[in-house]
PDB file of N, CA and C in Angstrom:
ATOM      1  N   MET A   1      -3.868 -71.603  28.861  1.00  0.00           N
ATOM      2  CA  MET A   1      -4.815 -70.931  29.338  1.00  0.00           C
ATOM      3  C   MET A   1      -5.390 -70.752  27.155  1.00  0.00           C
ATOM      4  N   ASN A   2      -5.891 -71.391  26.879  1.00  0.00           N
ATOM      5  CA  ASN A   2      -6.717 -71.495  26.134  1.00  0.00           C
ATOM      6  C   ASN A   2      -7.209 -69.742  25.592  1.00  0.00           C
ATOM      7  N   LEU A   3      -6.918 -69.034  24.403  1.00  0.00           N
ATOM      8  CA  LEU A   3      -7.682 -67.970  23.885  1.00  0.00           C
ATOM      9  C   LEU A   3      -9.522 -68.218  23.126  1.00  0.00           C
ATOM     10  N   ILE A   4      -9.474 -67.492  24.188  1.00  0.00           N
ATOM     11  CA  ILE A   4     -11.559 -67.430  23.595  1.00  0.00           C
ATOM     12  C   ILE A   4     -12.140 -66.742  22.884  1.00  0.00           C
ATOM     13  N   HIS A   5     -11.482 -65.493  23.104  1.00  0.00           N
ATOM     14  CA  HIS A   5     -11.883 -64.420  22.179  1.00  0.00           C
ATOM     15  C   HIS A   5     -10.545 -63.245  21.856  1.00  0.00           C
ATOM     16  N   ARG A   6     -10.615 -62.146  20.821  1.00  0.00           N
ATOM     17  CA  ARG A   6      -9.971 -62.337  20.787  1.00  0.00           C
ATOM     18  C   ARG A   6     -10.208 -60.898  19.506  1.00  0.00           C
ATOM     19  N   GLY A   7     -10.660 -59.443  20.555  1.00  0.00           N
ATOM     20  CA  GLY A   7     -11.135 -58.795  20.109  1.00  0.00           C
ATOM     21  C   GLY A   7     -10.847 -57.690  19.744  1.00  0.00           C
ATOM     22  N   ARG A   8     -10.385 -56.277  18.952  1.00  0.00           N
ATOM     23  CA  ARG A   8      -9.717 -54.991  19.419  1.00  0.00           C
ATOM     24  C   ARG A   8      -8.893 -54.547  20.397  1.00  0.00           C
ATOM     25  N   ARG A   9      -9.596 -54.588  21.616  1.00  0.00           N
ATOM     26  CA  ARG A   9      -8.986 -53.984  22.668  1.00  0.00           C
ATOM     27  C   ARG A   9      -9.609 -54.826  23.495  1.00  0.00           C
ATOM     28  N   ASP A  10     -10.052 -56.373  23.630  1.00  0.00           N
ATOM     29  CA  ASP A  10      -9.722 -57.562  24.471  1.00  0.00           C
ATOM     30  C   ASP A  10      -9.841 -58.731  24.277  1.00  0.00           C
ATOM     31  N   ALA A  11      -9.560 -59.722  25.502  1.00  0.00           N
ATOM     32  CA  ALA A  11      -9.125 -60.937  25.268  1.00  0.00           C
ATOM     33  C   ALA A  11      -9.710 -61.394  25.835  1.00  0.00           C
ATOM     34  N   TYR A  12     -10.052 -62.571  26.194  1.00  0.00           N
ATOM     35  CA  TYR A  12     -11.253 -63.548  27.155  1.00  0.00           C
ATOM     36  C   TYR A  12     -10.332 -64.953  26.993  1.00  0.00           C
ATOM     37  N   LEU A  13      -9.570 -64.969  28.050  1.00  0.00           N
ATOM     38  CA  LEU A  13      -8.841 -66.095  28.374  1.00  0.00           C
ATOM     39  C   LEU A  13      -8.816 -67.275  29.160  1.00  0.00           C
ATOM     40  N   GLU A  14      -9.279 -68.765  28.347  1.00  0.00           N
ATOM     41  CA  GLU A  14      -9.961 -69.494  30.213  1.00  0.00           C
ATOM     42  C   GLU A  14      -8.995 -70.729  30.077  1.00  0.00           C
ATOM     43  N   TRP A  15      -9.128 -71.125  31.529  1.00  0.00           N
ATOM     44  CA  TRP A  15      -7.919 -72.478  31.983  1.00  0.00           C
ATOM     45  C   TRP A  15      -9.323 -72.988  33.019  1.00  0.00           C
ATOM     46  N   GLY A  16      -9.517 -74.660  32.608  1.00  0.00           N
ATOM     47  CA  GLY A  16      -9.965 -74.851  33.485  1.00  0.00           C
ATOM     48  C   GLY A  16     -11.481 -73.865  33.642  1.00  0.00           C
ATOM     49  N   SER A  17     -11.845 -74.106  34.903  1.00  0.00           N
ATOM     50  CA  SER A  17     -12.742 -73.026  34.877  1.00  0.00           C
ATOM     51  C   SER A  17     -12.802 -71.744  35.495  1.00  0.00           C
ATOM     52  N   ALA A  18     -12.326 -71.651  35.509  1.00  0.00           N
ATOM     53  CA  ALA A  18     -11.383 -69.950  35.763  1.00  0.00           C
ATOM     54  C   ALA A  18     -11.056 -69.268  34.272  1.00  0.00           C
ATOM     55  N   TRP A  19     -11.471 -68.588  34.117  1.00  0.00           N
ATOM     56  CA  TRP A  19     -11.295 -67.140  32.758  1.00  0.00           C
ATOM     57  C   TRP A  19     -11.170 -65.775  33.494  1.00  0.00           C
ATOM     58  N   VAL A  20     -10.502 -64.891  32.304  1.00  0.00           N
ATOM     59  CA  VAL A  20     -10.454 -63.834  32.596  1.00  0.00           C
ATOM     60  C   VAL A  20     -10.321 -63.164  31.530  1.00  0.00           C
ATOM     61  N   CYS A  21     -11.060 -61.823  31.342  1.00  0.00           N
ATOM     62  CA  CYS A  21     -10.282 -60.395  30.735  1.00  0.00           C
ATOM     63  C   CYS A  21      -9.804 -59.884  30.373  1.00  0.00           C
ATOM     64  N   LEU A  22      -9.054 -59.145  29.655  1.00  0.00           N
ATOM     65  CA  LEU A  22      -8.479 -58.375  29.456  1.00  0.00           C
ATOM     66  C   LEU A  22      -8.884 -57.229  28.547  1.00  0.00           C
ATOM     67  N   GLN A  23      -8.157 -56.331  29.131  1.00  0.00           N
ATOM     68  CA  GLN A  23      -9.399 -54.608  28.459  1.00  0.00           C
ATOM     69  C   GLN A  23      -8.597 -54.101  28.264  1.00  0.00           C
ATOM     70  N   GLU A  24      -8.303 -52.797  27.226  1.00  0.00           N
ATOM     71  CA  GLU A  24      -7.698 -51.886  26.873  1.00  0.00           C
ATOM     72  C   GLU A  24      -8.182 -51.448  27.632  1.00  0.00           C
ATOM     73  N   ARG A  25      -7.796 -49.848  28.204  1.00  0.00           N
ATOM     74  CA  ARG A  25      -9.196 -48.702  28.264  1.00  0.00           C
ATOM     75  C   ARG A  25      -7.861 -47.606  28.233  1.00  0.00           C
ATOM     76  N   PRO A  26      -8.513 -46.496  27.292  1.00  0.00           N
ATOM     77  CA  PRO A  26      -7.830 -45.469  27.159  1.00  0.00           C
ATOM     78  C   PRO A  26      -6.783 -44.693  28.285  1.00  0.00           C
ATOM     79  N   ALA A  27      -8.158 -44.846  29.242  1.00  0.00           N
ATOM     80  CA  ALA A  27      -7.703 -44.119  30.564  1.00  0.00           C
ATOM     81  C   ALA A  27      -8.350 -44.257  31.393  1.00  0.00           C
ATOM     82  N   ARG A  28      -7.272 -44.022  33.001  1.00  0.00           N
ATOM     83  CA  ARG A  28      -7.895 -44.443  34.189  1.00  0.00           C
ATOM     84  C   ARG A  28      -9.217 -43.970  34.543  1.00  0.00           C
ATOM     85  N   ARG A  29     -10.459 -44.151  35.745  1.00  0.00           N
ATOM     86  CA  ARG A  29     -10.879 -43.780  35.748  1.00  0.00           C
ATOM     87  C   ARG A  29     -10.644 -43.709  36.860  1.00  0.00           C
ATOM     88  N   PRO A  30     -10.323 -42.000  37.710  1.00  0.00           N
ATOM     89  CA  PRO A  30     -10.377 -41.282  38.598  1.00  0.00           C
ATOM     90  C   PRO A  30     -11.246 -41.624  39.685  1.00  0.00           C
ATOM     91  N   GLU A  31     -12.103 -41.897  40.292  1.00  0.00           N
ATOM     92  CA  GLU A  31     -13.049 -42.815  41.099  1.00  0.00           C
ATOM     93  C   GLU A  31     -12.323 -44.292  41.436  1.00  0.00           C
ATOM     94  N   HIS A  32     -11.415 -44.814  40.999  1.00  0.00           N
ATOM     95  CA  HIS A  32     -11.153 -45.734  40.814  1.00  0.00           C
ATOM     96  C   HIS A  32      -9.091 -45.431  40.694  1.00  0.00           C
ATOM     97  N   PRO A  33      -8.565 -45.467  41.438  1.00  0.00           N
ATOM     98  CA  PRO A  33      -6.783 -45.248  41.602  1.00  0.00           C
ATOM     99  C   PRO A  33      -6.357 -46.155  41.079  1.00  0.00           C
ATOM    100  N   THR A  34      -6.508 -47.932  41.309  1.00  0.00           N
ATOM    101  CA  THR A  34      -5.835 -49.151  41.404  1.00  0.00           C
ATOM    102  C   THR A  34      -4.843 -48.998  40.099  1.00  0.00           C
ATOM    103  N   PRO A  35      -3.963 -48.947  40.248  1.00  0.00           N
ATOM    104  CA  PRO A  35      -3.115 -49.518  38.901  1.00  0.00           C
ATOM    105  C   PRO A  35      -3.295 -50.508  38.599  1.00  0.00           C
ATOM    106  N   GLY A  36      -3.661 -50.710  37.375  1.00  0.00           N
ATOM    107  CA  GLY A  36      -3.305 -51.947  36.685  1.00  0.00           C
ATOM    108  C   GLY A  36      -5.198 -52.894  36.969  1.00  0.00           C
ATOM    109  N   VAL A  37      -5.547 -53.090  37.460  1.00  0.00           N
ATOM    110  CA  VAL A  37      -6.808 -53.538  38.278  1.00  0.00           C
ATOM    111  C   VAL A  37      -8.402 -53.184  37.654  1.00  0.00           C
ATOM    112  N   ASP A  38      -9.221 -52.391  37.317  1.00  0.00           N
ATOM    113  CA  ASP A  38     -10.682 -51.808  37.105  1.00  0.00           C
ATOM    114  C   ASP A  38     -11.238 -52.806  37.835  1.00  0.00           C
ATOM    115  N   HIS A  39     -11.458 -54.287  37.700  1.00  0.00           N
ATOM    116  CA  HIS A  39     -11.900 -54.751  38.526  1.00  0.00           C
ATOM    117  C   HIS A  39     -12.200 -56.901  39.195  1.00  0.00           C
ATOM    118  N   VAL A  40     -12.136 -57.418  39.450  1.00  0.00           N
ATOM    119  CA  VAL A  40     -12.406 -58.950  40.060  1.00  0.00           C
ATOM    120  C   VAL A  40     -13.683 -59.338  39.600  1.00  0.00           C
ATOM    121  N   ALA A  41     -13.765 -60.147  38.796  1.00  0.00           N
ATOM    122  CA  ALA A  41     -15.171 -60.904  38.545  1.00  0.00           C
ATOM    123  C   ALA A  41     -15.137 -62.167  38.945  1.00  0.00           C
ATOM    124  N   PHE A  42     -16.321 -62.867  39.839  1.00  0.00           N
ATOM    125  CA  PHE A  42     -16.344 -63.613  40.762  1.00  0.00           C
ATOM    126  C   PHE A  42     -17.937 -64.509  40.214  1.00  0.00           C
ATOM    127  N   PHE A  43     -18.143 -66.135  39.463  1.00  0.00           N
ATOM    128  CA  PHE A  43     -18.998 -66.547  39.252  1.00  0.00           C
ATOM    129  C   PHE A  43     -20.208 -67.355  40.781  1.00  0.00           C
ATOM    130  N   ILE A  44     -21.216 -66.907  40.383  1.00  0.00           N
ATOM    131  CA  ILE A  44     -21.928 -67.264  41.432  1.00  0.00           C
ATOM    132  C   ILE A  44     -23.256 -67.670  41.192  1.00  0.00           C
ATOM    133  N   GLY A  45     -24.306 -68.419  41.909  1.00  0.00           N
ATOM    134  CA  GLY A  45     -24.997 -68.467  40.979  1.00  0.00           C
ATOM    135  C   GLY A  45     -26.662 -67.882  41.224  1.00  0.00           C
ATOM    136  N   PRO A  46     -27.249 -67.808  40.734  1.00  0.00           N
ATOM    137  CA  PRO A  46     -28.460 -66.939  40.008  1.00  0.00           C
ATOM    138  C   PRO A  46     -29.000 -67.113  41.875  1.00  0.00           C
ATOM    139  N   ASP A  47     -29.478 -67.828  41.767  1.00  0.00           N
ATOM    140  CA  ASP A  47     -30.911 -67.794  43.412  1.00  0.00           C
ATOM    141  C   ASP A  47     -29.238 -67.631  44.493  1.00  0.00           C
ATOM    142  N   ASP A  48     -28.335 -67.207  44.390  1.00  0.00           N
ATOM    143  CA  ASP A  48     -27.170 -66.943  45.902  1.00  0.00           C
ATOM    144  C   ASP A  48     -26.578 -66.176  45.959  1.00  0.00           C
ATOM    145  N   LEU A  49     -27.693 -64.968  44.582  1.00  0.00           N
ATOM    146  CA  LEU A  49     -26.601 -63.902  44.669  1.00  0.00           C
ATOM    147  C   LEU A  49     -27.655 -62.806  45.117  1.00  0.00           C
ATOM    148  N   GLU A  50     -28.991 -63.013  45.612  1.00  0.00           N
ATOM    149  CA  GLU A  50     -29.659 -61.850  46.548  1.00  0.00           C
ATOM    150  C   GLU A  50     -29.169 -62.172  48.073  1.00  0.00           C
ATOM    151  N   PRO A  51     -29.431 -63.053  48.465  1.00  0.00           N
ATOM    152  CA  PRO A  51     -29.054 -63.318  49.798  1.00  0.00           C
ATOM    153  C   PRO A  51     -26.875 -62.823  50.117  1.00  0.00           C
ATOM    154  N   ALA A  52     -26.414 -63.383  48.612  1.00  0.00           N
ATOM    155  CA  ALA A  52     -24.485 -62.913  49.018  1.00  0.00           C
ATOM    156  C   ALA A  52     -24.839 -61.112  49.149  1.00  0.00           C
ATOM    157  N   VAL A  53     -25.635 -60.555  48.614  1.00  0.00           N
ATOM    158  CA  VAL A  53     -25.492 -59.301  48.286  1.00  0.00           C
ATOM    159  C   VAL A  53     -26.359 -58.869  49.517  1.00  0.00           C
ATOM    160  N   GLU A  54     -27.464 -59.882  50.469  1.00  0.00           N
ATOM    161  CA  GLU A  54     -27.679 -59.125  51.784  1.00  0.00           C
ATOM    162  C   GLU A  54     -26.807 -59.281  52.623  1.00  0.00           C
ATOM    163  N   ARG A  55     -25.877 -60.223  52.540  1.00  0.00           N
ATOM    164  CA  ARG A  55     -25.147 -60.494  53.376  1.00  0.00           C
ATOM    165  C   ARG A  55     -24.022 -59.380  53.728  1.00  0.00           C
ATOM    166  N   LEU A  56     -23.584 -59.282  52.094  1.00  0.00           N
ATOM    167  CA  LEU A  56     -22.644 -57.758  51.887  1.00  0.00           C
ATOM    168  C   LEU A  56     -22.825 -56.685  52.732  1.00  0.00           C
ATOM    169  N   ARG A  57     -24.136 -56.656  52.947  1.00  0.00           N
ATOM    170  CA  ARG A  57     -24.140 -54.840  53.090  1.00  0.00           C
ATOM    171  C   ARG A  57     -24.621 -55.330  54.754  1.00  0.00           C
ATOM    172  N   SER A  58     -25.107 -56.540  55.045  1.00  0.00           N
ATOM    173  CA  SER A  58     -24.760 -56.656  56.789  1.00  0.00           C
ATOM    174  C   SER A  58     -23.429 -56.348  57.017  1.00  0.00           C
ATOM    175  N   CYS A  59     -23.230 -56.968  56.779  1.00  0.00           N
ATOM    176  CA  CYS A  59     -21.153 -56.239  57.236  1.00  0.00           C
ATOM    177  C   CYS A  59     -20.657 -55.628  56.734  1.00  0.00           C
ATOM    178  N   GLY A  60     -21.182 -54.371  56.016  1.00  0.00           N
ATOM    179  CA  GLY A  60     -20.676 -52.734  55.901  1.00  0.00           C
ATOM    180  C   GLY A  60     -19.921 -52.868  55.450  1.00  0.00           C
ATOM    181  N   VAL A  61     -20.168 -53.554  53.404  1.00  0.00           N
ATOM    182  CA  VAL A  61     -19.287 -53.841  52.805  1.00  0.00           C
ATOM    183  C   VAL A  61     -20.321 -52.305  51.583  1.00  0.00           C
ATOM    184  N   THR A  62     -19.415 -51.609  50.904  1.00  0.00           N
ATOM    185  CA  THR A  62     -19.953 -50.515  50.074  1.00  0.00           C
ATOM    186  C   THR A  62     -20.310 -50.832  48.548  1.00  0.00           C
ATOM    187  N   ILE A  63     -21.168 -51.252  48.827  1.00  0.00           N
ATOM    188  CA  ILE A  63     -22.224 -51.753  47.664  1.00  0.00           C
ATOM    189  C   ILE A  63     -21.394 -50.646  45.946  1.00  0.00           C
ATOM    190  N   ALA A  64     -20.500 -50.257  45.371  1.00  0.00           N
ATOM    191  CA  ALA A  64     -19.913 -49.692  44.150  1.00  0.00           C
ATOM    192  C   ALA A  64     -21.888 -49.713  43.128  1.00  0.00           C
ATOM    193  N   ARG A  65     -21.619 -50.263  42.777  1.00  0.00           N
ATOM    194  CA  ARG A  65     -23.249 -50.533  41.959  1.00  0.00           C
ATOM    195  C   ARG A  65     -24.561 -51.454  42.325  1.00  0.00           C
ATOM    196  N   GLY A  66     -25.466 -51.436  42.163  1.00  0.00           N
ATOM    197  CA  GLY A  66     -26.660 -52.214  42.681  1.00  0.00           C
ATOM    198  C   GLY A  66     -27.138 -52.952  41.758  1.00  0.00           C
ATOM    199  N   LEU A  67     -27.442 -54.534  41.806  1.00  0.00           N
ATOM    200  CA  LEU A  67     -27.991 -55.238  40.922  1.00  0.00           C
ATOM    201  C   LEU A  67     -28.635 -54.707  39.562  1.00  0.00           C
ATOM    202  N   MET A  68     -27.687 -55.082  38.413  1.00  0.00           N
ATOM    203  CA  MET A  68     -27.888 -54.778  36.973  1.00  0.00           C
ATOM    204  C   MET A  68     -28.221 -56.259  36.445  1.00  0.00           C
ATOM    205  N   GLN A  69     -28.857 -56.270  35.063  1.00  0.00           N
ATOM    206  CA  GLN A  69     -28.490 -57.123  34.683  1.00  0.00           C
ATOM    207  C   GLN A  69     -27.448 -56.137  33.727  1.00  0.00           C
ATOM    208  N   ARG A  70     -26.449 -57.689  33.173  1.00  0.00           N
ATOM    209  CA  ARG A  70     -25.328 -57.420  32.242  1.00  0.00           C
ATOM    210  C   ARG A  70     -25.456 -58.584  31.119  1.00  0.00           C
ATOM    211  N   GLY A  71     -25.045 -58.195  30.285  1.00  0.00           N
ATOM    212  CA  GLY A  71     -25.434 -59.560  29.076  1.00  0.00           C
ATOM    213  C   GLY A  71     -26.559 -60.604  29.534  1.00  0.00           C
ATOM    214  N   THR A  72     -26.381 -61.493  29.459  1.00  0.00           N
ATOM    215  CA  THR A  72     -27.062 -62.869  30.266  1.00  0.00           C
ATOM    216  C   THR A  72     -27.106 -62.833  31.729  1.00  0.00           C
ATOM    217  N   GLY A  73     -26.735 -62.313  32.339  1.00  0.00           N
ATOM    218  CA  GLY A  73     -26.494 -62.584  34.015  1.00  0.00           C
ATOM    219  C   GLY A  73     -26.536 -60.795  34.182  1.00  0.00           C
ATOM    220  N   TRP A  74     -26.696 -61.532  35.751  1.00  0.00           N
ATOM    221  CA  TRP A  74     -26.689 -60.323  36.968  1.00  0.00           C
ATOM    222  C   TRP A  74     -25.810 -60.030  37.331  1.00  0.00           C
ATOM    223  N   SER A  75     -24.924 -59.109  37.415  1.00  0.00           N
ATOM    224  CA  SER A  75     -23.968 -58.377  38.110  1.00  0.00           C
ATOM    225  C   SER A  75     -24.484 -57.252  39.555  1.00  0.00           C
ATOM    226  N   VAL A  76     -23.323 -57.148  40.752  1.00  0.00           N
ATOM    227  CA  VAL A  76     -23.205 -57.091  41.536  1.00  0.00           C
ATOM    228  C   VAL A  76     -22.381 -56.307  42.020  1.00  0.00           C
ATOM    229  N   TYR A  77     -22.354 -55.200  42.186  1.00  0.00           N
ATOM    230  CA  TYR A  77     -20.115 -54.295  42.194  1.00  0.00           C
ATOM    231  C   TYR A  77     -20.212 -54.106  43.467  1.00  0.00           C
ATOM    232  N   PHE A  78     -18.612 -54.468  44.477  1.00  0.00           N
ATOM    233  CA  PHE A  78     -18.969 -53.912  45.809  1.00  0.00           C
ATOM    234  C   PHE A  78     -17.651 -53.395  46.053  1.00  0.00           C
ATOM    235  N   LEU A  79     -16.553 -53.233  46.844  1.00  0.00           N
ATOM    236  CA  LEU A  79     -15.090 -52.704  47.063  1.00  0.00           C
ATOM    237  C   LEU A  79     -14.870 -53.630  48.419  1.00  0.00           C
ATOM    238  N   ASP A  80     -13.229 -54.119  47.992  1.00  0.00           N
ATOM    239  CA  ASP A  80     -12.923 -54.581  49.153  1.00  0.00           C
ATOM    240  C   ASP A  80     -11.825 -54.137  50.472  1.00  0.00           C
ATOM    241  N   PRO A  81     -11.522 -54.141  50.862  1.00  0.00           N
ATOM    242  CA  PRO A  81     -11.686 -53.298  52.632  1.00  0.00           C
ATOM    243  C   PRO A  81      -9.712 -52.569  51.484  1.00  0.00           C
ATOM    244  N   ASP A  82      -9.218 -53.040  50.599  1.00  0.00           N
ATOM    245  CA  ASP A  82      -8.411 -51.304  49.496  1.00  0.00           C
ATOM    246  C   ASP A  82      -8.752 -50.893  48.813  1.00  0.00           C
ATOM    247  N   GLY A  83     -10.514 -51.067  48.353  1.00  0.00           N
ATOM    248  CA  GLY A  83     -11.187 -50.326  47.594  1.00  0.00           C
ATOM    249  C   GLY A  83     -10.935 -50.447  46.341  1.00  0.00           C
ATOM    250  N   THR A  84     -10.604 -52.168  46.150  1.00  0.00           N
ATOM    251  CA  THR A  84     -11.097 -52.636  44.835  1.00  0.00           C
ATOM    252  C   THR A  84     -12.156 -52.994  44.725  1.00  0.00           C
ATOM    253  N   GLN A  85     -12.512 -52.467  43.200  1.00  0.00           N
ATOM    254  CA  GLN A  85     -13.711 -53.390  42.690  1.00  0.00           C
ATOM    255  C   GLN A  85     -13.241 -54.854  42.485  1.00  0.00           C
ATOM    256  N   LEU A  86     -15.059 -55.224  43.041  1.00  0.00           N
ATOM    257  CA  LEU A  86     -15.489 -57.171  43.260  1.00  0.00           C
ATOM    258  C   LEU A  86     -17.011 -56.445  42.423  1.00  0.00           C
ATOM    259  N   GLU A  87     -16.573 -57.670  41.622  1.00  0.00           N
ATOM    260  CA  GLU A  87     -18.076 -58.046  41.407  1.00  0.00           C
ATOM    261  C   GLU A  87     -18.695 -59.885  41.264  1.00  0.00           C
ATOM    262  N   LEU A  88     -19.771 -60.188  41.830  1.00  0.00           N
ATOM    263  CA  LEU A  88     -20.470 -61.428  41.847  1.00  0.00           C
ATOM    264  C   LEU A  88     -21.277 -61.632  40.645  1.00  0.00           C
ATOM    265  N   HIS A  89     -21.250 -62.022  39.650  1.00  0.00           N
ATOM    266  CA  HIS A  89     -22.022 -62.381  38.003  1.00  0.00           C
ATOM    267  C   HIS A  89     -22.270 -63.940  38.265  1.00  0.00           C
ATOM    268  N   THR A  90     -23.657 -63.637  37.419  1.00  0.00           N
ATOM    269  CA  THR A  90     -24.243 -65.149  37.211  1.00  0.00           C
ATOM    270  C   THR A  90     -24.341 -65.682  36.311  1.00  0.00           C
ATOM    271  N   SER A  91     -23.695 -65.046  35.016  1.00  0.00           N
ATOM    272  CA  SER A  91     -23.397 -65.668  34.114  1.00  0.00           C
ATOM    273  C   SER A  91     -22.024 -66.740  33.800  1.00  0.00           C
ATOM    274  N   THR A  92     -21.928 -67.317  32.696  1.00  0.00           N
ATOM    275  CA  THR A  92     -20.644 -67.762  32.838  1.00  0.00           C
ATOM    276  C   THR A  92     -19.981 -67.483  31.368  1.00  0.00           C
ATOM    277  N   LEU A  93     -19.152 -67.840  30.755  1.00  0.00           N
ATOM    278  CA  LEU A  93     -18.384 -67.417  29.462  1.00  0.00           C
ATOM    279  C   LEU A  93     -18.956 -67.616  28.881  1.00  0.00           C
ATOM    280  N   HIS A  94     -19.589 -69.106  28.701  1.00  0.00           N
ATOM    281  CA  HIS A  94     -20.208 -69.877  27.422  1.00  0.00           C
ATOM    282  C   HIS A  94     -21.141 -68.448  27.383  1.00  0.00           C
ATOM    283  N   GLU A  95     -21.641 -68.167  27.931  1.00  0.00           N
ATOM    284  CA  GLU A  95     -23.027 -67.587  27.822  1.00  0.00           C
ATOM    285  C   GLU A  95     -22.797 -66.175  27.548  1.00  0.00           C
ATOM    286  N   ARG A  96     -22.214 -65.655  29.135  1.00  0.00           N
ATOM    287  CA  ARG A  96     -20.728 -64.112  27.791  1.00  0.00           C
ATOM    288  C   ARG A  96     -21.080 -63.811  26.643  1.00  0.00           C
ATOM    289  N   MET A  97     -19.737 -64.634  26.017  1.00  0.00           N
ATOM    290  CA  MET A  97     -19.389 -65.025  24.794  1.00  0.00           C
ATOM    291  C   MET A  97     -20.897 -65.023  23.708  1.00  0.00           C
ATOM    292  N   GLN A  98     -21.772 -65.023  23.790  1.00  0.00           N
ATOM    293  CA  GLN A  98     -22.767 -65.488  23.042  1.00  0.00           C
ATOM    294  C   GLN A  98     -23.845 -64.368  22.580  1.00  0.00           C
ATOM    295  N   VAL A  99     -23.787 -63.582  24.111  1.00  0.00           N
ATOM    296  CA  VAL A  99     -23.663 -61.696  23.634  1.00  0.00           C
ATOM    297  C   VAL A  99     -22.885 -60.702  23.803  1.00  0.00           C
ATOM    298  N   TRP A 100     -21.281 -61.055  23.502  1.00  0.00           N
ATOM    299  CA  TRP A 100     -20.804 -59.688  23.708  1.00  0.00           C
ATOM    300  C   TRP A 100     -19.832 -59.157  22.209  1.00  0.00           C
ATOM    301  N   ARG A 101     -19.964 -58.411  22.410  1.00  0.00           N
ATOM    302  CA  ARG A 101     -18.873 -57.939  20.860  1.00  0.00           C
ATOM    303  C   ARG A 101     -18.069 -57.454  20.746  1.00  0.00           C
TER     304      ARG A 101
END
């Protein structure tokens, strides 16, 4: 893995076309009790996001947070069957680093 960014409470690591953001959090959110994982995000092309959200809804998937702009891209958050929060996001790591603080 290559270190892309290291902040006071976060780090971004990249390997190939995959990347991970590690963040130190002061406390767990009570509405998300899964230990150690806040959420898992996946890149999706901008033109595919809205159809994917409609597909999730038609399958009865719980949408935790609807379409919202995050940095240079758009995100939607939903829950897997175990209650782990997942995210579909439309910007790349390079685009995210341009606006990350």
